Amino acid sequence: MSAWQPPCRAATVLQAMHDSARLIVRAALPRGLRMALLTAHITAVALWLGMDTALIAITAAHAAIPAPLGAAALTSSAATTLGTGFVLAAHRPWGLRRHHWIVAKVRISAVVTAAGLTSLSGVLDALSVLAARVCVLIALIAAIAVSVTKPWGLTQVGRAALAKRSASGAGQRKIGRAHV
């Protein structure tokens, strides 16, 4: 008879994942922490979207936007969105480089942050600022659509991990539309 073992908890179970040619071992996030991070991530995205909409309205009304205030609001929501997104992706089976939709979201976020800070810098005329803000809003909506639909499948890294997992005979777990 084998010795008694305590039930596994998400915080104590280590998950091994193959990333390219190396083995990465990472701790799974406890459900409560994962839900808190997800809530913070979605809230930051909503604030970013609302702030951008407000900046469009202010710019269209030809009112001046205090650059330090706009930059602080943009930077905080962008940093929170990117930070929580990286942590969630790194500690979930999605991974940071396994799916095209995650790579696309990171790129969209980086471009949107740069465009937002540039539009607040004062180097653009009012019409260019308005055009930049509208493009930022469209890109944010596109990032949300990508999050919901999760298009394009696995990246080369994700396909290699899937092939290694299949070759090793390990059980597969379903992640979205692909087995990893």
N, C-alpha and C. Protein backbone atom coordinates (compact mmCIF):
# COMPACT_ATOMS: atom_id res chain seq x y z
N MET A 1 0.84 -1.17 0.00
CA MET A 1 0.00 0.00 0.00
C MET A 1 0.89 1.24 0.00
N SER A 2 0.59 2.21 -0.86
CA SER A 2 1.41 3.40 -0.96
C SER A 2 1.08 4.38 0.16
N ALA A 3 2.04 5.25 0.43
CA ALA A 3 1.87 6.25 1.49
C ALA A 3 0.82 7.27 1.07
N TRP A 4 0.14 7.81 2.06
CA TRP A 4 -0.88 8.83 1.79
C TRP A 4 -0.23 10.09 1.28
N GLN A 5 -0.83 10.72 0.27
CA GLN A 5 -0.33 11.99 -0.26
C GLN A 5 -1.43 13.01 -0.16
N PRO A 6 -1.08 14.24 0.22
CA PRO A 6 -2.10 15.28 0.30
C PRO A 6 -2.61 15.63 -1.09
N PRO A 7 -3.84 16.12 -1.19
CA PRO A 7 -4.35 16.50 -2.51
C PRO A 7 -3.53 17.63 -3.11
N CYS A 8 -3.40 17.62 -4.41
CA CYS A 8 -2.63 18.65 -5.11
C CYS A 8 -3.39 19.96 -5.12
N ARG A 9 -2.69 21.03 -4.92
CA ARG A 9 -3.27 22.36 -5.03
C ARG A 9 -2.61 23.06 -6.20
N ALA A 10 -3.32 23.94 -6.84
CA ALA A 10 -2.80 24.63 -8.02
C ALA A 10 -1.51 25.38 -7.71
N ALA A 11 -1.39 25.92 -6.51
CA ALA A 11 -0.21 26.70 -6.16
C ALA A 11 1.02 25.82 -5.97
N THR A 12 0.84 24.55 -5.67
CA THR A 12 1.98 23.70 -5.39
C THR A 12 2.37 22.79 -6.53
N VAL A 13 1.53 22.67 -7.51
CA VAL A 13 1.80 21.79 -8.63
C VAL A 13 2.69 22.52 -9.63
N LEU A 14 3.79 21.91 -9.99
CA LEU A 14 4.66 22.49 -11.00
C LEU A 14 4.30 21.89 -12.34
N GLN A 15 4.21 22.75 -13.33
CA GLN A 15 3.89 22.31 -14.67
C GLN A 15 5.14 22.45 -15.52
N ALA A 16 5.47 21.42 -16.26
CA ALA A 16 6.63 21.47 -17.15
C ALA A 16 6.14 21.73 -18.56
N MET A 17 6.78 22.67 -19.21
CA MET A 17 6.43 22.99 -20.59
C MET A 17 7.70 23.03 -21.42
N HIS A 18 7.63 22.52 -22.62
CA HIS A 18 8.75 22.61 -23.54
C HIS A 18 8.60 23.89 -24.33
N ASP A 19 9.65 24.69 -24.34
CA ASP A 19 9.68 25.91 -25.12
C ASP A 19 10.91 25.84 -25.99
N SER A 20 10.72 25.65 -27.28
CA SER A 20 11.80 25.39 -28.23
C SER A 20 12.56 24.15 -27.77
N ALA A 21 13.85 24.30 -27.48
CA ALA A 21 14.65 23.13 -27.13
C ALA A 21 14.89 23.02 -25.64
N ARG A 22 14.31 23.88 -24.83
CA ARG A 22 14.58 23.83 -23.39
C ARG A 22 13.31 23.57 -22.60
N LEU A 23 13.49 23.07 -21.43
CA LEU A 23 12.38 22.75 -20.55
C LEU A 23 12.19 23.90 -19.56
N ILE A 24 10.98 24.40 -19.48
CA ILE A 24 10.67 25.47 -18.54
C ILE A 24 9.72 24.91 -17.50
N VAL A 25 10.06 25.09 -16.25
CA VAL A 25 9.19 24.67 -15.17
C VAL A 25 8.65 25.93 -14.51
N ARG A 26 7.34 26.00 -14.39
CA ARG A 26 6.73 27.18 -13.81
C ARG A 26 5.62 26.75 -12.87
N ALA A 27 5.41 27.56 -11.87
CA ALA A 27 4.34 27.28 -10.91
C ALA A 27 3.02 27.80 -11.47
N ALA A 28 1.98 27.02 -11.30
CA ALA A 28 0.65 27.46 -11.71
C ALA A 28 0.16 28.50 -10.72
N LEU A 29 -0.59 29.46 -11.21
CA LEU A 29 -1.15 30.49 -10.32
C LEU A 29 -2.34 29.93 -9.56
N PRO A 30 -2.45 30.25 -8.29
CA PRO A 30 -3.66 29.87 -7.58
C PRO A 30 -4.88 30.54 -8.22
N ARG A 31 -6.01 29.90 -8.17
CA ARG A 31 -7.21 30.40 -8.86
C ARG A 31 -7.55 31.82 -8.42
N GLY A 32 -7.49 32.11 -7.13
CA GLY A 32 -7.83 33.45 -6.64
C GLY A 32 -6.92 34.52 -7.21
N LEU A 33 -5.63 34.24 -7.24
CA LEU A 33 -4.67 35.20 -7.80
C LEU A 33 -4.89 35.36 -9.30
N ARG A 34 -5.13 34.25 -9.98
CA ARG A 34 -5.39 34.31 -11.43
C ARG A 34 -6.62 35.15 -11.73
N MET A 35 -7.69 34.97 -10.96
CA MET A 35 -8.92 35.74 -11.16
C MET A 35 -8.69 37.22 -10.85
N ALA A 36 -7.90 37.51 -9.81
CA ALA A 36 -7.59 38.90 -9.47
C ALA A 36 -6.79 39.56 -10.59
N LEU A 37 -5.80 38.84 -11.13
CA LEU A 37 -5.01 39.37 -12.24
C LEU A 37 -5.87 39.58 -13.49
N LEU A 38 -6.74 38.63 -13.77
CA LEU A 38 -7.62 38.75 -14.93
C LEU A 38 -8.55 39.94 -14.77
N THR A 39 -9.10 40.13 -13.58
CA THR A 39 -9.96 41.28 -13.32
C THR A 39 -9.19 42.59 -13.48
N ALA A 40 -7.98 42.65 -12.94
CA ALA A 40 -7.15 43.85 -13.10
C ALA A 40 -6.83 44.10 -14.57
N HIS A 41 -6.56 43.04 -15.31
CA HIS A 41 -6.24 43.16 -16.73
C HIS A 41 -7.43 43.73 -17.51
N ILE A 42 -8.60 43.17 -17.31
CA ILE A 42 -9.79 43.62 -18.02
C ILE A 42 -10.16 45.05 -17.61
N THR A 43 -10.03 45.36 -16.32
CA THR A 43 -10.33 46.72 -15.85
C THR A 43 -9.36 47.73 -16.46
N ALA A 44 -8.08 47.39 -16.52
CA ALA A 44 -7.09 48.30 -17.11
C ALA A 44 -7.38 48.54 -18.59
N VAL A 45 -7.79 47.48 -19.30
CA VAL A 45 -8.14 47.63 -20.71
C VAL A 45 -9.36 48.54 -20.86
N ALA A 46 -10.36 48.35 -20.00
CA ALA A 46 -11.56 49.19 -20.05
C ALA A 46 -11.21 50.65 -19.75
N LEU A 47 -10.34 50.88 -18.78
CA LEU A 47 -9.91 52.25 -18.47
C LEU A 47 -9.14 52.86 -19.64
N TRP A 48 -8.29 52.07 -20.26
CA TRP A 48 -7.51 52.53 -21.41
C TRP A 48 -8.46 52.92 -22.55
N LEU A 49 -9.44 52.07 -22.80
CA LEU A 49 -10.42 52.34 -23.86
C LEU A 49 -11.23 53.60 -23.54
N GLY A 50 -11.69 53.72 -22.30
CA GLY A 50 -12.45 54.90 -21.89
C GLY A 50 -11.61 56.17 -21.93
N MET A 51 -10.36 56.07 -21.50
CA MET A 51 -9.48 57.23 -21.53
C MET A 51 -9.23 57.68 -22.97
N ASP A 52 -9.04 56.74 -23.85
CA ASP A 52 -8.80 57.11 -25.24
C ASP A 52 -10.04 57.76 -25.86
N THR A 53 -11.21 57.24 -25.53
CA THR A 53 -12.45 57.85 -26.03
C THR A 53 -12.59 59.27 -25.49
N ALA A 54 -12.28 59.47 -24.22
CA ALA A 54 -12.35 60.82 -23.63
C ALA A 54 -11.33 61.76 -24.28
N LEU A 55 -10.14 61.26 -24.57
CA LEU A 55 -9.13 62.09 -25.24
C LEU A 55 -9.56 62.47 -26.65
N ILE A 56 -10.27 61.58 -27.34
CA ILE A 56 -10.81 61.92 -28.66
C ILE A 56 -11.82 63.06 -28.53
N ALA A 57 -12.70 62.96 -27.55
CA ALA A 57 -13.72 64.01 -27.35
C ALA A 57 -13.07 65.33 -26.98
N ILE A 58 -12.06 65.31 -26.12
CA ILE A 58 -11.37 66.54 -25.73
C ILE A 58 -10.65 67.15 -26.91
N THR A 59 -9.98 66.31 -27.70
CA THR A 59 -9.26 66.81 -28.88
C THR A 59 -10.23 67.37 -29.91
N ALA A 60 -11.36 66.69 -30.14
CA ALA A 60 -12.35 67.16 -31.12
C ALA A 60 -12.96 68.49 -30.68
N ALA A 61 -13.02 68.73 -29.38
CA ALA A 61 -13.57 70.00 -28.87
C ALA A 61 -12.51 71.09 -28.85
N HIS A 62 -11.34 70.81 -29.37
CA HIS A 62 -10.21 71.76 -29.43
C HIS A 62 -9.80 72.25 -28.05
N ALA A 63 -9.96 71.41 -27.05
CA ALA A 63 -9.51 71.74 -25.71
C ALA A 63 -8.11 71.19 -25.51
N ALA A 64 -7.36 71.84 -24.65
CA ALA A 64 -5.99 71.39 -24.39
C ALA A 64 -6.01 70.22 -23.40
N ILE A 65 -5.18 69.25 -23.68
CA ILE A 65 -5.03 68.10 -22.79
C ILE A 65 -3.75 68.32 -21.99
N PRO A 66 -3.85 68.38 -20.67
CA PRO A 66 -2.61 68.50 -19.89
C PRO A 66 -1.73 67.27 -20.12
N ALA A 67 -0.60 67.46 -20.78
CA ALA A 67 0.26 66.33 -21.17
C ALA A 67 0.66 65.44 -20.00
N PRO A 68 1.06 66.02 -18.85
CA PRO A 68 1.44 65.13 -17.74
C PRO A 68 0.27 64.27 -17.25
N LEU A 69 -0.92 64.85 -17.22
CA LEU A 69 -2.09 64.09 -16.77
C LEU A 69 -2.42 62.97 -17.77
N GLY A 70 -2.45 63.31 -19.06
CA GLY A 70 -2.74 62.31 -20.09
C GLY A 70 -1.69 61.21 -20.13
N ALA A 71 -0.41 61.60 -20.02
CA ALA A 71 0.68 60.63 -20.05
C ALA A 71 0.63 59.72 -18.83
N ALA A 72 0.31 60.26 -17.67
CA ALA A 72 0.23 59.45 -16.45
C ALA A 72 -0.91 58.44 -16.55
N ALA A 73 -2.06 58.89 -17.05
CA ALA A 73 -3.21 57.98 -17.17
C ALA A 73 -2.92 56.89 -18.21
N LEU A 74 -2.35 57.29 -19.35
CA LEU A 74 -2.04 56.33 -20.40
C LEU A 74 -0.99 55.33 -19.93
N THR A 75 0.07 55.84 -19.33
CA THR A 75 1.17 54.98 -18.89
C THR A 75 0.71 53.98 -17.84
N SER A 76 -0.11 54.43 -16.89
CA SER A 76 -0.54 53.52 -15.84
C SER A 76 -1.46 52.42 -16.37
N SER A 77 -2.41 52.80 -17.24
CA SER A 77 -3.30 51.76 -17.78
C SER A 77 -2.56 50.83 -18.74
N ALA A 78 -1.64 51.37 -19.53
CA ALA A 78 -0.86 50.54 -20.45
C ALA A 78 0.06 49.60 -19.68
N ALA A 79 0.73 50.11 -18.66
CA ALA A 79 1.64 49.27 -17.87
C ALA A 79 0.88 48.16 -17.15
N THR A 80 -0.28 48.51 -16.60
CA THR A 80 -1.09 47.50 -15.91
C THR A 80 -1.57 46.44 -16.89
N THR A 81 -2.04 46.87 -18.05
CA THR A 81 -2.51 45.93 -19.07
C THR A 81 -1.39 45.00 -19.52
N LEU A 82 -0.25 45.57 -19.86
CA LEU A 82 0.87 44.76 -20.33
C LEU A 82 1.41 43.86 -19.23
N GLY A 83 1.57 44.40 -18.03
CA GLY A 83 2.10 43.61 -16.91
C GLY A 83 1.23 42.42 -16.55
N THR A 84 -0.06 42.68 -16.37
CA THR A 84 -0.96 41.57 -16.02
C THR A 84 -1.09 40.59 -17.17
N GLY A 85 -1.07 41.09 -18.41
CA GLY A 85 -1.14 40.21 -19.57
C GLY A 85 0.07 39.28 -19.66
N PHE A 86 1.27 39.82 -19.40
CA PHE A 86 2.47 38.99 -19.42
C PHE A 86 2.42 37.92 -18.34
N VAL A 87 2.03 38.30 -17.13
CA VAL A 87 1.97 37.33 -16.03
C VAL A 87 0.94 36.25 -16.32
N LEU A 88 -0.24 36.65 -16.79
CA LEU A 88 -1.28 35.66 -17.10
C LEU A 88 -0.83 34.71 -18.20
N ALA A 89 -0.22 35.25 -19.24
CA ALA A 89 0.22 34.40 -20.35
C ALA A 89 1.35 33.47 -19.92
N ALA A 90 2.27 33.97 -19.12
CA ALA A 90 3.42 33.17 -18.71
C ALA A 90 3.03 32.03 -17.79
N HIS A 91 1.98 32.20 -17.02
CA HIS A 91 1.59 31.18 -16.05
C HIS A 91 0.35 30.39 -16.47
N ARG A 92 -0.01 30.48 -17.70
CA ARG A 92 -1.13 29.71 -18.23
C ARG A 92 -0.62 28.87 -19.39
N PRO A 93 -1.36 27.87 -19.78
CA PRO A 93 -0.92 27.02 -20.90
C PRO A 93 -0.79 27.79 -22.23
N TRP A 94 -1.39 28.98 -22.32
CA TRP A 94 -1.29 29.74 -23.57
C TRP A 94 0.16 30.10 -23.87
N GLY A 95 0.93 30.42 -22.86
CA GLY A 95 2.33 30.81 -23.07
C GLY A 95 2.44 32.18 -23.71
N LEU A 96 3.65 32.69 -23.73
CA LEU A 96 3.88 34.02 -24.31
C LEU A 96 4.13 33.98 -25.81
N ARG A 97 4.64 32.87 -26.31
CA ARG A 97 5.00 32.81 -27.73
C ARG A 97 4.38 31.63 -28.46
N ARG A 98 3.42 30.98 -27.89
CA ARG A 98 2.84 29.78 -28.50
C ARG A 98 1.72 30.07 -29.48
N HIS A 99 1.03 31.18 -29.31
CA HIS A 99 -0.13 31.48 -30.14
C HIS A 99 0.02 32.85 -30.79
N HIS A 100 -0.36 32.91 -32.05
CA HIS A 100 -0.24 34.16 -32.80
C HIS A 100 -1.07 35.29 -32.19
N TRP A 101 -2.21 34.96 -31.60
CA TRP A 101 -3.06 36.02 -31.07
C TRP A 101 -2.41 36.73 -29.89
N ILE A 102 -1.61 36.02 -29.09
CA ILE A 102 -0.93 36.67 -27.97
C ILE A 102 0.18 37.57 -28.49
N VAL A 103 0.93 37.09 -29.46
CA VAL A 103 1.98 37.91 -30.07
C VAL A 103 1.38 39.17 -30.69
N ALA A 104 0.23 39.02 -31.36
CA ALA A 104 -0.44 40.17 -31.98
C ALA A 104 -0.89 41.17 -30.91
N LYS A 105 -1.42 40.68 -29.81
CA LYS A 105 -1.87 41.59 -28.74
C LYS A 105 -0.71 42.37 -28.14
N VAL A 106 0.42 41.72 -27.94
CA VAL A 106 1.59 42.41 -27.39
C VAL A 106 2.05 43.50 -28.36
N ARG A 107 2.09 43.17 -29.64
CA ARG A 107 2.50 44.17 -30.64
C ARG A 107 1.52 45.33 -30.72
N ILE A 108 0.23 45.03 -30.71
CA ILE A 108 -0.78 46.09 -30.74
C ILE A 108 -0.62 46.99 -29.52
N SER A 109 -0.44 46.40 -28.36
CA SER A 109 -0.29 47.19 -27.13
C SER A 109 0.93 48.09 -27.18
N ALA A 110 2.04 47.58 -27.70
CA ALA A 110 3.26 48.38 -27.79
C ALA A 110 3.07 49.56 -28.75
N VAL A 111 2.47 49.30 -29.91
CA VAL A 111 2.24 50.37 -30.89
C VAL A 111 1.25 51.40 -30.35
N VAL A 112 0.19 50.93 -29.70
CA VAL A 112 -0.82 51.83 -29.16
C VAL A 112 -0.21 52.71 -28.07
N THR A 113 0.63 52.15 -27.22
CA THR A 113 1.28 52.93 -26.17
C THR A 113 2.18 54.00 -26.79
N ALA A 114 2.98 53.61 -27.76
CA ALA A 114 3.86 54.58 -28.41
C ALA A 114 3.07 55.68 -29.12
N ALA A 115 2.01 55.30 -29.83
CA ALA A 115 1.19 56.29 -30.53
C ALA A 115 0.49 57.21 -29.54
N GLY A 116 0.03 56.65 -28.44
CA GLY A 116 -0.64 57.46 -27.42
C GLY A 116 0.28 58.48 -26.79
N LEU A 117 1.49 58.06 -26.44
CA LEU A 117 2.45 58.99 -25.85
C LEU A 117 2.89 60.05 -26.86
N THR A 118 3.04 59.65 -28.12
CA THR A 118 3.41 60.61 -29.16
C THR A 118 2.31 61.65 -29.35
N SER A 119 1.06 61.22 -29.32
CA SER A 119 -0.04 62.16 -29.52
C SER A 119 -0.17 63.14 -28.36
N LEU A 120 0.34 62.77 -27.20
CA LEU A 120 0.29 63.66 -26.04
C LEU A 120 1.54 64.52 -25.90
N SER A 121 2.54 64.29 -26.75
CA SER A 121 3.82 64.97 -26.60
C SER A 121 3.79 66.43 -27.02
N GLY A 122 2.81 66.82 -27.81
CA GLY A 122 2.74 68.21 -28.25
C GLY A 122 3.44 68.48 -29.57
N VAL A 123 4.01 67.49 -30.21
CA VAL A 123 4.72 67.69 -31.47
C VAL A 123 3.79 67.60 -32.68
N LEU A 124 2.56 67.13 -32.48
CA LEU A 124 1.61 66.98 -33.58
C LEU A 124 0.57 68.10 -33.54
N ASP A 125 0.07 68.47 -34.72
CA ASP A 125 -1.02 69.44 -34.75
C ASP A 125 -2.32 68.76 -34.32
N ALA A 126 -3.37 69.55 -34.09
CA ALA A 126 -4.63 69.04 -33.53
C ALA A 126 -5.26 67.95 -34.40
N LEU A 127 -5.23 68.13 -35.72
CA LEU A 127 -5.83 67.13 -36.61
C LEU A 127 -5.06 65.82 -36.57
N SER A 128 -3.74 65.89 -36.52
CA SER A 128 -2.92 64.68 -36.43
C SER A 128 -3.14 63.97 -35.10
N VAL A 129 -3.29 64.75 -34.03
CA VAL A 129 -3.57 64.15 -32.73
C VAL A 129 -4.91 63.42 -32.76
N LEU A 130 -5.92 64.06 -33.35
CA LEU A 130 -7.24 63.43 -33.45
C LEU A 130 -7.17 62.14 -34.27
N ALA A 131 -6.46 62.17 -35.39
CA ALA A 131 -6.31 60.99 -36.23
C ALA A 131 -5.58 59.88 -35.47
N ALA A 132 -4.52 60.24 -34.73
CA ALA A 132 -3.77 59.26 -33.96
C ALA A 132 -4.64 58.63 -32.88
N ARG A 133 -5.44 59.45 -32.20
CA ARG A 133 -6.31 58.94 -31.12
C ARG A 133 -7.36 57.99 -31.69
N VAL A 134 -7.92 58.32 -32.86
CA VAL A 134 -8.92 57.44 -33.48
C VAL A 134 -8.27 56.12 -33.89
N CYS A 135 -7.07 56.18 -34.43
CA CYS A 135 -6.35 54.95 -34.80
C CYS A 135 -6.05 54.10 -33.56
N VAL A 136 -5.69 54.76 -32.46
CA VAL A 136 -5.44 54.05 -31.21
C VAL A 136 -6.71 53.35 -30.74
N LEU A 137 -7.84 54.05 -30.81
CA LEU A 137 -9.12 53.46 -30.40
C LEU A 137 -9.45 52.23 -31.25
N ILE A 138 -9.25 52.34 -32.56
CA ILE A 138 -9.51 51.21 -33.46
C ILE A 138 -8.58 50.04 -33.13
N ALA A 139 -7.32 50.33 -32.85
CA ALA A 139 -6.36 49.27 -32.50
C ALA A 139 -6.73 48.60 -31.18
N LEU A 140 -7.19 49.38 -30.20
CA LEU A 140 -7.62 48.78 -28.93
C LEU A 140 -8.82 47.86 -29.13
N ILE A 141 -9.75 48.28 -29.96
CA ILE A 141 -10.92 47.44 -30.26
C ILE A 141 -10.47 46.18 -30.99
N ALA A 142 -9.49 46.32 -31.89
CA ALA A 142 -8.95 45.15 -32.59
C ALA A 142 -8.30 44.18 -31.60
N ALA A 143 -7.57 44.71 -30.61
CA ALA A 143 -6.95 43.84 -29.60
C ALA A 143 -8.00 43.09 -28.80
N ILE A 144 -9.11 43.76 -28.49
CA ILE A 144 -10.20 43.09 -27.78
C ILE A 144 -10.79 41.98 -28.66
N ALA A 145 -10.99 42.28 -29.94
CA ALA A 145 -11.53 41.27 -30.86
C ALA A 145 -10.59 40.07 -30.97
N VAL A 146 -9.29 40.32 -31.01
CA VAL A 146 -8.31 39.23 -31.07
C VAL A 146 -8.37 38.40 -29.79
N SER A 147 -8.57 39.06 -28.65
CA SER A 147 -8.67 38.33 -27.37
C SER A 147 -9.88 37.41 -27.34
N VAL A 148 -10.95 37.86 -27.93
CA VAL A 148 -12.19 37.09 -27.90
C VAL A 148 -12.15 35.94 -28.92
N THR A 149 -11.69 36.22 -30.14
CA THR A 149 -11.74 35.21 -31.20
C THR A 149 -10.54 34.27 -31.23
N LYS A 150 -9.39 34.72 -30.71
CA LYS A 150 -8.15 33.92 -30.68
C LYS A 150 -7.84 33.28 -32.04
N PRO A 151 -7.68 34.11 -33.07
CA PRO A 151 -7.44 33.57 -34.42
C PRO A 151 -5.99 33.13 -34.65
N TRP A 152 -5.75 32.56 -35.81
CA TRP A 152 -4.44 32.28 -36.39
C TRP A 152 -3.71 31.07 -35.85
N GLY A 153 -4.15 30.42 -34.83
CA GLY A 153 -3.53 29.19 -34.38
C GLY A 153 -2.18 29.35 -33.71
N LEU A 154 -1.40 28.27 -33.77
CA LEU A 154 -0.12 28.19 -33.08
C LEU A 154 1.01 28.84 -33.88
N THR A 155 1.99 29.38 -33.16
CA THR A 155 3.21 29.89 -33.78
C THR A 155 4.13 28.70 -34.04
N GLN A 156 5.29 28.96 -34.60
CA GLN A 156 6.26 27.89 -34.83
C GLN A 156 6.70 27.28 -33.51
N VAL A 157 6.87 28.11 -32.49
CA VAL A 157 7.23 27.61 -31.16
C VAL A 157 6.13 26.71 -30.61
N GLY A 158 4.87 27.13 -30.78
CA GLY A 158 3.74 26.33 -30.31
C GLY A 158 3.61 25.02 -31.06
N ARG A 159 3.84 25.05 -32.37
CA ARG A 159 3.78 23.80 -33.16
C ARG A 159 4.89 22.84 -32.76
N ALA A 160 6.09 23.39 -32.48
CA ALA A 160 7.21 22.54 -32.06
C ALA A 160 6.90 21.90 -30.70
N ALA A 161 6.32 22.68 -29.79
CA ALA A 161 5.96 22.13 -28.48
C ALA A 161 4.89 21.06 -28.62
N LEU A 162 3.94 21.29 -29.51
CA LEU A 162 2.88 20.30 -29.74
C LEU A 162 3.46 19.02 -30.32
N ALA A 163 4.39 19.15 -31.27
CA ALA A 163 5.01 17.97 -31.88
C ALA A 163 5.82 17.18 -30.86
N LYS A 164 6.56 17.88 -29.99
CA LYS A 164 7.32 17.19 -28.95
C LYS A 164 6.40 16.48 -27.98
N ARG A 165 5.32 17.13 -27.62
CA ARG A 165 4.37 16.54 -26.68
C ARG A 165 3.71 15.32 -27.30
N SER A 166 3.36 15.41 -28.57
CA SER A 166 2.74 14.28 -29.26
C SER A 166 3.72 13.13 -29.42
N ALA A 167 4.98 13.46 -29.73
CA ALA A 167 6.00 12.43 -29.92
C ALA A 167 6.32 11.71 -28.62
N SER A 168 6.24 12.42 -27.51
CA SER A 168 6.58 11.80 -26.23
C SER A 168 5.45 10.92 -25.72
N GLY A 169 4.28 11.03 -26.36
CA GLY A 169 3.15 10.21 -25.95
C GLY A 169 2.43 10.74 -24.73
N ALA A 170 2.80 11.94 -24.30
CA ALA A 170 2.15 12.54 -23.13
C ALA A 170 0.71 12.89 -23.48
N GLY A 171 -0.13 12.87 -22.49
CA GLY A 171 -1.53 13.23 -22.70
C GLY A 171 -1.65 14.67 -23.13
N GLN A 172 -2.61 14.95 -23.96
CA GLN A 172 -2.80 16.30 -24.44
C GLN A 172 -3.93 16.95 -23.67
N ARG A 173 -3.79 18.25 -23.49
CA ARG A 173 -4.88 18.99 -22.89
C ARG A 173 -5.34 20.03 -23.88
N LYS A 174 -6.63 20.25 -23.93
CA LYS A 174 -7.19 21.16 -24.92
C LYS A 174 -7.04 22.58 -24.44
N ILE A 175 -6.48 23.41 -25.32
CA ILE A 175 -6.32 24.83 -25.04
C ILE A 175 -6.94 25.57 -26.22
N GLY A 176 -8.08 26.18 -25.99
CA GLY A 176 -8.73 26.90 -27.08
C GLY A 176 -9.05 25.94 -28.20
N ARG A 177 -8.52 26.23 -29.38
CA ARG A 177 -8.79 25.41 -30.55
C ARG A 177 -7.66 24.41 -30.83
N ALA A 178 -6.57 24.49 -30.07
CA ALA A 178 -5.43 23.63 -30.35
C ALA A 178 -5.10 22.79 -29.13
N HIS A 179 -4.56 21.61 -29.37
CA HIS A 179 -4.07 20.78 -28.28
C HIS A 179 -2.62 21.12 -28.05
N VAL A 180 -2.25 21.33 -26.80
CA VAL A 180 -0.86 21.63 -26.47
C VAL A 180 -0.41 20.72 -25.37
